[in-house]
Amino acid sequence: MAADTGTGLGQQWWRRPAAVPLAAGALTLVVVLIAAGRRQLWRDEFATLDAARMGLRELYALVQQKDLVLLPYYLGMHLWVRLFGDSEVALRLPSIIAVAIAAALTALQGRMLYGPRVGLLAGVLFGLLPVVTRYGQEARPYGLVIAAVAAAGLFVVWATQRHSRAAWIYYALMLVLVGWLHLIALVVLPAHGLLVLLETRRRQSWQPVAWWMGATAAAVAVLSPLVWLAKAQSGQIAWIQPVAVGDLSEWMLELPGAIGVGGVLLGLGILGCVGGGPRVGYLAAWALGPLILLWALTPIMLLFTERYVLFVLPAWCLLAAAGVQVAAQRLSTFTVAVPVLVLLVGLSSHLALRAPVTQFEPDLRGAAAVIDQQRRAGDLVAYTGPFPWWASAGIKYYLQEKPPLAEVFQATEGQATPNYRPWCGGQAKCLDTRARIWLINTKPSSTRLTSFAGMNPEVEKALRARFVVTHVDRFTDVSVSLLTPRPKKG
């Protein structure tokens, strides 16, 4: 398919070199900024917040135990929080900016490969994906990974088209950034290699292969210490569940954030593969290669999960835009209708993603509001349920500037001995207090969630013997119970 060369005064603005990436980036920025602070922080974002607030020595100690591969991201967030604060929007702003940059880079790469119309449409489609909003509005590195992979793709296209040594240097640097942000994203390398081979065949010169291998080898050499050290923490991905063959089609359709949107992209992408020109092999390898490779590695290592492969979505959008170009050879109603269709099909997902509390998340903001309204000097707090540290971090965060309540314990669901705080002497002496205790229970259940649901019977018995439940508030997947000391006998 030849590059687009549309004419007419009304089309001139998007034919200007900067117009395409700026328009796509600006649209994505606006979409992702809408209600960016409405959804409360979730477990992984609290992990980012905790790491960002640490001193450098504490952060070093943390990555000795876990999250070593996230050290570059945590260091960046450490500086960011000190400059811009730790509100929901401030924490998510790096990801918001990153996905806007990713949209601009997607548009620019489309312009280089096929022309301004395909580039603009690809960037717009990317910005309208529900999953881009989902991870753009999240204080984790995945939005940055998408942008870094898109930049690496742009540089390899630039290097092969313009035969630029500077582009190969930038490409190597970008691969290092990709690895620092998420090592698994380096599975995009075979797609880059395929593009280089296609260019080698066209030019009948092995020079691009030599430059690509040199740039890749240099990047891998820089990243090798991180790879070696990260091997010891491979147990951190044990939570990933394998995807059965029969579930692959549905999994892929859901990757853009809504099954309907996935269907539109894949349908147009197939059309783009059929009539998308000689470089369609590169885009197809980028769009599907990492998915196939990570899924094939499932028997060896579980790496196949949504958030780890989001960097393939720019390629999906580029192929879909190429498919639209095949179907509509000039700017037409069909070209404009595709982004509108994607927006309408994914609208319910966009709205759900902006809800104050999303699925599987306890309403810690609501729980903190109850405590804030009714707390007294000297009150204590205790946590039980799955991930009690998460509940503790959330309550402290949403109490804003109020002094934090001293914690009695954090008890994992069913745990026989809660994790008593040092000031309790490591024993249950805290339970002899005459202070009130706010018991936060995050065991997922129905609206009939009891104060002690999921708690070890021994711990429950000790609490019931010393306290009376005088008040209970229930929110999504969390209960807030006020425990008042029983009157002393005699």
Protein backbone atom coordinates (compact mmCIF):
# COMPACT_ATOMS: atom_id res chain seq x y z
CA MET A 1 0.00 0.00 0.00
CA ALA A 2 1.45 3.35 -0.97
CA ALA A 3 1.89 6.15 1.53
CA ASP A 4 -1.09 8.49 1.73
CA THR A 5 -0.78 11.69 -0.28
CA GLY A 6 -4.16 13.27 0.33
CA THR A 7 -4.88 16.66 -1.22
CA GLY A 8 -7.18 19.56 -0.50
CA LEU A 9 -6.95 22.57 1.76
CA GLY A 10 -9.00 20.88 4.50
CA GLN A 11 -6.46 18.07 4.70
CA GLN A 12 -3.29 20.16 4.78
CA TRP A 13 -3.09 20.52 8.57
CA TRP A 14 -2.67 16.81 9.21
CA ARG A 15 -0.05 16.53 6.49
CA ARG A 16 2.31 18.80 8.46
CA PRO A 17 5.06 16.73 10.16
CA ALA A 18 4.22 17.73 13.75
CA ALA A 19 0.44 17.75 13.38
CA VAL A 20 -0.13 13.99 13.43
CA PRO A 21 1.76 13.11 16.64
CA LEU A 22 0.60 16.26 18.44
CA ALA A 23 -3.06 15.61 17.64
CA ALA A 24 -2.90 11.96 18.72
CA GLY A 25 -0.98 12.77 21.89
CA ALA A 26 -3.28 15.65 22.84
CA LEU A 27 -6.41 13.54 22.35
CA THR A 28 -5.00 10.72 24.48
CA LEU A 29 -3.94 13.16 27.19
CA VAL A 30 -7.44 14.64 27.37
CA VAL A 31 -9.17 11.22 27.43
CA VAL A 32 -6.94 9.76 30.14
CA LEU A 33 -7.04 12.90 32.29
CA ILE A 34 -10.84 12.71 32.57
CA ALA A 35 -11.63 11.68 36.18
CA ALA A 36 -8.01 10.58 36.64
CA GLY A 37 -8.27 10.95 40.43
CA ARG A 38 -11.74 9.53 40.91
CA ARG A 39 -10.79 5.87 41.22
CA GLN A 40 -9.08 5.17 44.51
CA LEU A 41 -5.60 3.71 44.63
CA TRP A 42 -5.36 -0.07 44.60
CA ARG A 43 -2.88 -2.55 46.04
CA ASP A 44 -0.08 -2.20 43.47
CA GLU A 45 -0.34 1.58 43.49
CA PHE A 46 0.08 1.61 47.26
CA ALA A 47 3.24 -0.45 46.72
CA THR A 48 4.47 2.32 44.40
CA LEU A 49 3.54 4.99 46.93
CA ASP A 50 5.29 3.13 49.74
CA ALA A 51 8.47 2.73 47.68
CA ALA A 52 8.38 6.36 46.49
CA ARG A 53 8.18 7.62 50.07
CA MET A 54 11.16 5.56 51.23
CA GLY A 55 14.62 6.94 51.71
CA LEU A 56 17.25 5.59 49.34
CA ARG A 57 18.63 3.20 51.96
CA GLU A 58 15.18 1.82 52.69
CA LEU A 59 14.50 1.45 48.98
CA TYR A 60 17.78 -0.41 48.54
CA ALA A 61 16.82 -2.77 51.35
CA LEU A 62 13.40 -3.32 49.74
CA VAL A 63 14.75 -4.36 46.34
CA GLN A 64 17.10 -6.82 48.00
CA GLN A 65 13.96 -8.77 48.92
CA LYS A 66 11.55 -7.98 46.06
CA ASP A 67 10.75 -5.69 43.13
CA LEU A 68 14.36 -5.40 41.96
CA VAL A 69 13.21 -5.08 38.35
CA LEU A 70 11.14 -2.06 39.38
CA LEU A 71 14.04 -0.19 40.98
CA PRO A 72 14.49 2.31 38.10
CA TYR A 73 10.76 3.08 38.16
CA TYR A 74 10.74 3.43 41.95
CA LEU A 75 13.73 5.77 41.83
CA GLY A 76 11.92 7.92 39.30
CA MET A 77 8.78 7.98 41.43
CA HIS A 78 10.90 8.76 44.51
CA LEU A 79 11.98 11.99 42.84
CA TRP A 80 8.57 12.67 41.30
CA VAL A 81 6.72 12.52 44.64
CA ARG A 82 9.16 14.96 46.20
CA LEU A 83 8.57 17.41 43.37
CA PHE A 84 4.83 17.04 42.76
CA GLY A 85 3.29 15.37 45.82
CA ASP A 86 1.42 12.10 46.23
CA SER A 87 -2.21 12.80 45.38
CA GLU A 88 -3.94 10.24 43.16
CA VAL A 89 -3.51 12.45 40.10
CA ALA A 90 0.10 13.33 40.92
CA LEU A 91 1.02 9.65 41.36
CA ARG A 92 -0.65 8.73 38.07
CA LEU A 93 0.59 11.68 36.03
CA PRO A 94 3.79 9.95 34.80
CA SER A 95 1.67 7.14 33.37
CA ILE A 96 -0.82 9.62 31.91
CA ILE A 97 1.97 11.52 30.17
CA ALA A 98 3.56 8.26 29.04
CA VAL A 99 0.47 6.92 27.25
CA ALA A 100 0.00 10.31 25.57
CA ILE A 101 3.59 10.07 24.34
CA ALA A 102 2.93 6.48 23.24
CA ALA A 103 -0.03 7.68 21.17
CA ALA A 104 2.13 10.38 19.57
CA LEU A 105 4.90 7.87 18.81
CA THR A 106 2.37 5.41 17.36
CA ALA A 107 1.03 8.14 15.11
CA LEU A 108 4.52 9.19 14.07
CA GLN A 109 5.54 5.62 13.26
CA GLY A 110 2.35 5.16 11.23
CA ARG A 111 3.17 8.33 9.33
CA MET A 112 6.66 7.04 8.55
CA LEU A 113 5.39 3.64 7.42
CA TYR A 114 2.18 4.53 5.57
CA GLY A 115 1.53 8.27 5.60
CA PRO A 116 -0.19 10.89 7.77
CA ARG A 117 -3.72 9.51 7.55
CA VAL A 118 -2.77 6.04 8.82
CA GLY A 119 -0.53 7.60 11.47
CA LEU A 120 -3.23 9.92 12.77
CA LEU A 121 -5.88 7.21 12.80
CA ALA A 122 -3.57 4.76 14.61
CA GLY A 123 -2.72 7.32 17.28
CA VAL A 124 -6.38 8.22 17.78
CA LEU A 125 -7.43 4.58 18.04
CA PHE A 126 -4.72 3.96 20.64
CA GLY A 127 -5.89 6.88 22.76
CA LEU A 128 -9.49 5.65 22.74
CA LEU A 129 -8.72 2.13 23.98
CA PRO A 130 -10.24 1.50 27.43
CA VAL A 131 -7.11 -0.36 28.55
CA VAL A 132 -5.01 2.73 27.78
CA THR A 133 -7.15 4.66 30.24
CA ARG A 134 -6.91 1.76 32.72
CA TYR A 135 -3.13 1.72 32.83
CA GLY A 136 -2.72 5.41 32.07
CA GLN A 137 -4.61 6.06 35.28
CA GLU A 138 -2.36 3.80 37.34
CA ALA A 139 0.80 4.55 39.29
CA ARG A 140 2.70 1.60 37.85
CA PRO A 141 5.28 1.38 35.04
CA TYR A 142 3.14 -0.23 32.32
CA GLY A 143 2.18 3.01 30.58
CA LEU A 144 5.85 3.95 30.48
CA VAL A 145 6.70 0.53 29.02
CA ILE A 146 4.27 1.07 26.14
CA ALA A 147 5.87 4.44 25.39
CA ALA A 148 9.42 3.05 25.56
CA VAL A 149 8.59 0.13 23.23
CA ALA A 150 6.84 2.51 20.82
CA ALA A 151 9.94 4.74 20.85
CA ALA A 152 12.23 1.77 20.19
CA GLY A 153 10.03 0.80 17.25
CA LEU A 154 10.14 4.34 15.92
CA PHE A 155 13.94 4.44 16.06
CA VAL A 156 14.35 1.10 14.31
CA VAL A 157 12.01 2.30 11.54
CA TRP A 158 13.95 5.56 11.31
CA ALA A 159 17.28 3.71 11.24
CA THR A 160 16.21 1.37 8.44
CA GLN A 161 14.52 4.07 6.34
CA ARG A 162 17.14 6.81 6.71
CA HIS A 163 20.22 4.61 7.28
CA SER A 164 21.07 6.80 10.27
CA ARG A 165 23.82 5.82 12.71
CA ALA A 166 22.39 8.24 15.26
CA ALA A 167 19.07 6.39 15.09
CA TRP A 168 20.81 3.10 15.92
CA ILE A 169 22.41 4.72 18.97
CA TYR A 170 19.04 6.08 20.11
CA TYR A 171 17.56 2.66 19.47
CA ALA A 172 20.12 0.98 21.73
CA LEU A 173 19.48 3.53 24.48
CA MET A 174 15.75 3.00 24.18
CA LEU A 175 16.16 -0.77 24.49
CA VAL A 176 18.01 -0.18 27.76
CA LEU A 177 15.10 1.95 28.95
CA VAL A 178 12.63 -0.76 27.93
CA GLY A 179 14.60 -3.31 29.94
CA TRP A 180 14.86 -1.05 32.97
CA LEU A 181 11.12 -0.51 32.94
CA HIS A 182 10.14 -4.13 32.21
CA LEU A 183 12.54 -6.82 31.11
CA ILE A 184 9.78 -8.97 29.63
CA ALA A 185 9.02 -6.28 27.04
CA LEU A 186 12.29 -7.15 25.29
CA VAL A 187 10.42 -10.00 23.60
CA VAL A 188 9.58 -7.35 20.99
CA LEU A 189 13.13 -7.72 19.63
CA PRO A 190 12.28 -10.45 17.06
CA ALA A 191 9.80 -8.04 15.43
CA HIS A 192 12.55 -5.44 15.09
CA GLY A 193 14.86 -8.09 13.67
CA LEU A 194 12.26 -9.00 11.06
CA LEU A 195 11.97 -5.37 9.97
CA VAL A 196 15.74 -5.20 9.60
CA LEU A 197 15.76 -8.37 7.50
CA LEU A 198 13.05 -6.97 5.24
CA GLU A 199 15.12 -3.83 4.76
CA THR A 200 18.24 -5.93 4.12
CA ARG A 201 16.42 -7.82 1.40
CA ARG A 202 15.21 -4.58 -0.19
CA ARG A 203 18.64 -2.92 -0.12
CA GLN A 204 20.58 -6.13 -0.75
CA SER A 205 23.00 -5.07 1.98
CA TRP A 206 23.77 -6.67 5.33
CA GLN A 207 24.70 -3.35 6.90
CA PRO A 208 21.32 -2.86 8.70
CA VAL A 209 21.65 -6.34 10.24
CA ALA A 210 25.11 -5.52 11.55
CA TRP A 211 23.92 -2.26 13.08
CA TRP A 212 20.86 -3.89 14.62
CA MET A 213 22.85 -6.74 16.13
CA GLY A 214 25.42 -4.31 17.50
CA ALA A 215 22.79 -2.06 19.06
CA THR A 216 20.92 -5.01 20.53
CA ALA A 217 24.08 -6.61 21.90
CA ALA A 218 25.12 -3.34 23.55
CA ALA A 219 21.72 -2.95 25.21
CA VAL A 220 21.66 -6.55 26.43
CA ALA A 221 25.16 -6.14 27.85
CA VAL A 222 24.06 -3.12 29.86
CA LEU A 223 20.96 -4.96 31.10
CA SER A 224 22.66 -8.27 31.90
CA PRO A 225 23.40 -7.45 35.58
CA LEU A 226 19.74 -6.63 36.15
CA VAL A 227 18.68 -9.85 34.43
CA TRP A 228 21.09 -11.90 36.54
CA LEU A 229 20.03 -10.35 39.84
CA ALA A 230 16.32 -10.53 38.99
CA LYS A 231 16.48 -14.31 38.54
CA ALA A 232 16.54 -14.72 42.33
CA GLN A 233 13.16 -12.99 42.62
CA SER A 234 11.31 -14.97 39.97
CA GLY A 235 8.90 -16.22 42.66
CA GLN A 236 7.17 -12.84 42.60
CA ILE A 237 5.31 -13.80 39.42
CA ALA A 238 3.85 -16.96 40.96
CA TRP A 239 0.42 -15.30 41.01
CA ILE A 240 0.12 -15.51 37.20
CA GLN A 241 -2.32 -18.18 36.04
CA PRO A 242 -1.90 -20.06 32.73
CA VAL A 243 -4.32 -19.33 29.90
CA ALA A 244 -5.82 -22.42 28.28
CA VAL A 245 -5.85 -22.79 24.50
CA GLY A 246 -9.64 -22.55 24.45
CA ASP A 247 -9.53 -19.21 26.26
CA LEU A 248 -6.95 -17.53 24.02
CA SER A 249 -9.41 -15.96 21.59
CA GLU A 250 -11.46 -14.36 24.35
CA TRP A 251 -8.28 -13.27 26.14
CA MET A 252 -7.04 -11.51 23.01
CA LEU A 253 -10.36 -9.82 22.39
CA GLU A 254 -10.33 -8.47 25.94
CA LEU A 255 -6.76 -7.13 25.73
CA PRO A 256 -7.78 -3.64 24.48
CA GLY A 257 -10.13 -3.33 27.47
CA ALA A 258 -13.44 -4.41 25.91
CA ILE A 259 -14.31 -7.43 23.78
CA GLY A 260 -16.13 -5.30 21.20
CA VAL A 261 -13.13 -3.01 20.77
CA GLY A 262 -10.87 -6.02 20.42
CA GLY A 263 -13.12 -7.40 17.70
CA VAL A 264 -13.01 -4.14 15.75
CA LEU A 265 -9.21 -3.89 15.97
CA LEU A 266 -8.57 -7.51 15.06
CA GLY A 267 -11.01 -7.42 12.15
CA LEU A 268 -9.44 -4.28 10.70
CA GLY A 269 -5.98 -5.62 11.51
CA ILE A 270 -6.58 -8.71 9.39
CA LEU A 271 -7.64 -6.44 6.53
CA GLY A 272 -4.48 -4.41 7.10
CA CYS A 273 -2.37 -7.57 6.92
CA VAL A 274 -3.94 -8.54 3.62
CA GLY A 275 -3.39 -5.21 1.90
CA GLY A 276 -0.98 -3.39 4.17
CA GLY A 277 2.15 -3.46 2.09
CA PRO A 278 5.62 -5.00 2.52
CA ARG A 279 6.21 -3.81 6.10
CA VAL A 280 3.07 -5.48 7.44
CA GLY A 281 5.21 -8.44 8.52
CA TYR A 282 6.98 -6.21 11.06
CA LEU A 283 3.72 -4.94 12.51
CA ALA A 284 2.20 -8.42 12.64
CA ALA A 285 5.30 -9.72 14.41
CA TRP A 286 5.07 -6.87 16.92
CA ALA A 287 1.33 -7.35 17.41
CA LEU A 288 1.32 -11.14 17.84
CA GLY A 289 4.90 -12.33 18.28
CA PRO A 290 5.27 -11.42 21.97
CA LEU A 291 1.89 -13.01 22.76
CA ILE A 292 2.80 -16.25 21.01
CA LEU A 293 6.25 -16.39 22.58
CA LEU A 294 5.14 -15.69 26.16
CA TRP A 295 2.23 -18.11 25.89
CA ALA A 296 4.54 -20.81 24.50
CA LEU A 297 6.86 -20.30 27.49
CA THR A 298 4.02 -21.10 29.93
CA PRO A 299 5.30 -24.64 30.74
CA ILE A 300 8.67 -23.11 31.69
CA MET A 301 7.73 -19.78 33.24
CA LEU A 302 4.38 -18.03 33.70
CA LEU A 303 4.75 -14.63 32.03
CA PHE A 304 1.59 -14.48 29.93
CA THR A 305 -0.68 -11.89 31.51
CA GLU A 306 -2.41 -8.76 30.28
CA ARG A 307 -0.35 -6.03 31.89
CA TYR A 308 2.93 -7.56 30.68
CA VAL A 309 1.99 -7.40 26.97
CA LEU A 310 0.25 -4.05 26.64
CA PHE A 311 3.15 -2.82 24.50
CA VAL A 312 1.72 -4.76 21.53
CA LEU A 313 -1.31 -2.45 21.32
CA PRO A 314 0.35 0.29 19.21
CA ALA A 315 0.97 -2.39 16.58
CA TRP A 316 -2.68 -3.47 16.77
CA CYS A 317 -3.75 0.11 16.16
CA LEU A 318 -1.27 0.56 13.29
CA LEU A 319 -2.56 -2.58 11.58
CA ALA A 320 -6.17 -1.50 12.13
CA ALA A 321 -5.44 1.92 10.65
CA ALA A 322 -3.77 0.24 7.68
CA GLY A 323 -6.92 -1.85 7.29
CA VAL A 324 -9.04 1.29 7.19
CA GLN A 325 -6.68 2.67 4.54
CA VAL A 326 -7.29 -0.43 2.46
CA ALA A 327 -11.06 -0.06 2.76
CA ALA A 328 -11.17 3.71 2.25
CA GLN A 329 -8.56 5.00 -0.18
CA ARG A 330 -9.36 8.63 0.61
CA LEU A 331 -10.47 10.47 3.76
CA SER A 332 -14.07 9.39 4.06
CA THR A 333 -16.99 8.86 6.40
CA PHE A 334 -15.74 5.34 7.05
CA THR A 335 -12.35 6.63 8.21
CA VAL A 336 -13.97 9.01 10.68
CA ALA A 337 -16.55 6.43 11.76
CA VAL A 338 -13.99 3.87 12.99
CA PRO A 339 -12.74 5.94 15.98
CA VAL A 340 -16.35 6.83 16.81
CA LEU A 341 -17.26 3.14 16.73
CA VAL A 342 -14.34 2.24 18.99
CA LEU A 343 -15.36 4.96 21.44
CA LEU A 344 -19.01 3.87 21.53
CA VAL A 345 -18.22 0.16 21.83
CA GLY A 346 -15.77 0.82 24.66
CA LEU A 347 -17.79 3.54 26.39
CA SER A 348 -19.21 1.30 29.13
CA SER A 349 -15.68 0.10 29.93
CA HIS A 350 -14.44 3.70 30.08
CA LEU A 351 -17.20 4.57 32.54
CA ALA A 352 -16.55 1.49 34.68
CA LEU A 353 -12.84 2.28 34.86
CA ARG A 354 -13.64 5.71 36.26
CA ALA A 355 -15.87 4.42 39.07
CA PRO A 356 -14.67 5.37 42.58
CA VAL A 357 -14.35 1.69 43.48
CA THR A 358 -13.74 -0.93 40.81
CA GLN A 359 -14.21 -4.67 40.93
CA PHE A 360 -12.24 -6.63 43.57
CA GLU A 361 -11.13 -3.46 45.38
CA PRO A 362 -12.28 -2.63 48.93
CA ASP A 363 -13.63 0.86 49.45
CA LEU A 364 -10.83 2.08 51.72
CA ARG A 365 -11.64 5.70 50.99
CA GLY A 366 -15.15 5.20 52.40
CA ALA A 367 -13.80 3.28 55.39
CA ALA A 368 -11.33 6.07 56.17
CA ALA A 369 -14.12 8.66 55.98
CA VAL A 370 -16.11 6.83 58.70
CA ILE A 371 -13.09 6.70 60.99
CA ASP A 372 -12.29 10.33 60.29
CA GLN A 373 -15.81 11.41 61.32
CA GLN A 374 -16.02 9.34 64.50
CA ARG A 375 -12.45 8.92 65.78
CA ARG A 376 -11.43 9.99 69.27
CA ALA A 377 -8.06 10.71 70.77
CA GLY A 378 -6.41 7.45 71.80
CA ASP A 379 -8.34 5.22 69.37
CA LEU A 380 -6.46 2.26 67.89
CA VAL A 381 -6.86 0.38 64.63
CA ALA A 382 -6.47 -3.28 63.61
CA TYR A 383 -6.60 -4.99 60.23
CA THR A 384 -7.68 -8.44 59.14
CA GLY A 385 -8.34 -10.08 55.79
CA PRO A 386 -6.30 -10.60 52.63
CA PHE A 387 -3.42 -8.12 52.21
CA PRO A 388 -3.82 -6.28 55.54
CA TRP A 389 -0.82 -4.07 54.73
CA TRP A 390 -2.83 -2.77 51.77
CA ALA A 391 -5.74 -1.81 54.03
CA SER A 392 -3.32 -0.16 56.46
CA ALA A 393 -1.69 1.86 53.69
CA GLY A 394 -5.10 2.90 52.33
CA ILE A 395 -6.53 4.03 55.65
CA LYS A 396 -3.41 6.05 56.43
CA TYR A 397 -3.45 7.60 52.96
CA TYR A 398 -7.11 8.56 52.98
CA LEU A 399 -7.00 10.02 56.48
CA GLN A 400 -5.08 12.77 54.71
CA GLU A 401 -3.17 14.99 57.14
CA LYS A 402 -4.77 13.54 60.26
CA PRO A 403 -2.39 11.81 62.70
CA PRO A 404 -2.36 8.06 61.98
CA LEU A 405 -3.97 5.74 64.49
CA ALA A 406 -1.61 3.40 66.34
CA GLU A 407 -2.03 -0.13 64.99
CA VAL A 408 -2.85 -3.07 67.23
CA PHE A 409 -2.15 -5.74 64.63
CA GLN A 410 -2.34 -6.80 61.01
CA ALA A 411 -3.78 -10.29 60.65
CA THR A 412 -3.77 -12.16 57.37
CA GLU A 413 -7.03 -14.03 56.85
CA GLY A 414 -7.00 -17.22 58.95
CA GLN A 415 -3.64 -16.39 60.53
CA ALA A 416 -3.34 -17.88 64.02
CA THR A 417 -1.02 -15.19 65.40
CA PRO A 418 -1.50 -11.64 64.12
CA ASN A 419 1.48 -9.46 63.33
CA TYR A 420 1.52 -7.39 66.53
CA ARG A 421 3.32 -4.08 66.37
CA PRO A 422 6.61 -3.61 68.27
CA TRP A 423 5.01 -1.28 70.76
CA CYS A 424 2.82 -4.18 71.82
CA GLY A 425 5.87 -6.14 72.94
CA GLY A 426 5.18 -8.83 70.32
CA GLN A 427 2.34 -10.19 72.46
CA ALA A 428 -1.39 -9.65 72.71
CA LYS A 429 -0.90 -7.03 75.42
CA CYS A 430 -2.57 -4.49 73.14
CA LEU A 431 -5.86 -6.31 73.67
CA ASP A 432 -5.78 -5.40 77.38
CA THR A 433 -6.20 -1.74 76.47
CA ARG A 434 -9.18 0.38 77.50
CA ALA A 435 -8.99 2.26 74.19
CA ARG A 436 -11.46 1.71 71.37
CA ILE A 437 -10.30 -0.31 68.38
CA TRP A 438 -11.36 0.21 64.78
CA LEU A 439 -11.30 -3.24 63.13
CA ILE A 440 -10.91 -3.11 59.34
CA ASN A 441 -11.86 -6.37 57.60
CA THR A 442 -11.14 -6.66 53.87
CA LYS A 443 -12.36 -10.21 53.33
CA PRO A 444 -14.35 -10.11 50.07
CA SER A 445 -17.92 -11.17 50.75
CA SER A 446 -21.52 -10.07 50.48
CA THR A 447 -23.16 -7.13 52.21
CA ARG A 448 -23.60 -9.44 55.21
CA LEU A 449 -19.85 -9.40 55.84
CA THR A 450 -19.31 -9.88 59.59
CA SER A 451 -16.74 -8.01 61.64
CA PHE A 452 -14.66 -11.13 62.24
CA ALA A 453 -15.18 -12.95 58.91
CA GLY A 454 -12.17 -15.02 57.91
CA MET A 455 -10.33 -14.35 61.16
CA ASN A 456 -8.65 -17.19 63.02
CA PRO A 457 -11.06 -18.46 65.74
CA GLU A 458 -8.48 -17.92 68.51
CA VAL A 459 -7.99 -14.27 67.58
CA GLU A 460 -11.73 -13.77 67.24
CA LYS A 461 -12.32 -15.35 70.65
CA ALA A 462 -9.75 -13.06 72.29
CA LEU A 463 -11.32 -9.97 70.76
CA ARG A 464 -14.88 -10.98 71.69
CA ALA A 465 -13.80 -11.65 75.28
CA ARG A 466 -12.40 -8.13 75.70
CA PHE A 467 -14.53 -5.98 73.38
CA VAL A 468 -18.09 -5.38 72.26
CA VAL A 469 -18.91 -4.52 68.64
CA THR A 470 -20.83 -1.28 69.05
CA HIS A 471 -21.01 -0.11 65.46
CA VAL A 472 -20.43 -1.57 61.99
CA ASP A 473 -20.25 0.18 58.61
CA ARG A 474 -20.07 -1.90 55.46
CA PHE A 475 -18.70 -0.78 52.11
CA THR A 476 -17.61 -2.61 48.98
CA ASP A 477 -15.55 -5.60 50.20
CA VAL A 478 -14.67 -4.00 53.53
CA SER A 479 -16.28 -3.58 56.94
CA VAL A 480 -15.38 -1.03 59.61
CA SER A 481 -16.26 -2.19 63.13
CA LEU A 482 -15.90 -0.15 66.28
CA LEU A 483 -14.80 -2.35 69.20
CA THR A 484 -15.42 -0.89 72.66
CA PRO A 485 -13.82 -2.45 75.76
CA ARG A 486 -16.19 -4.52 77.87
CA PRO A 487 -16.97 -3.05 81.28
CA LYS A 488 -14.82 -4.51 84.02
CA LYS A 489 -16.62 -6.97 86.26
CA GLY A 490 -17.13 -6.01 89.88
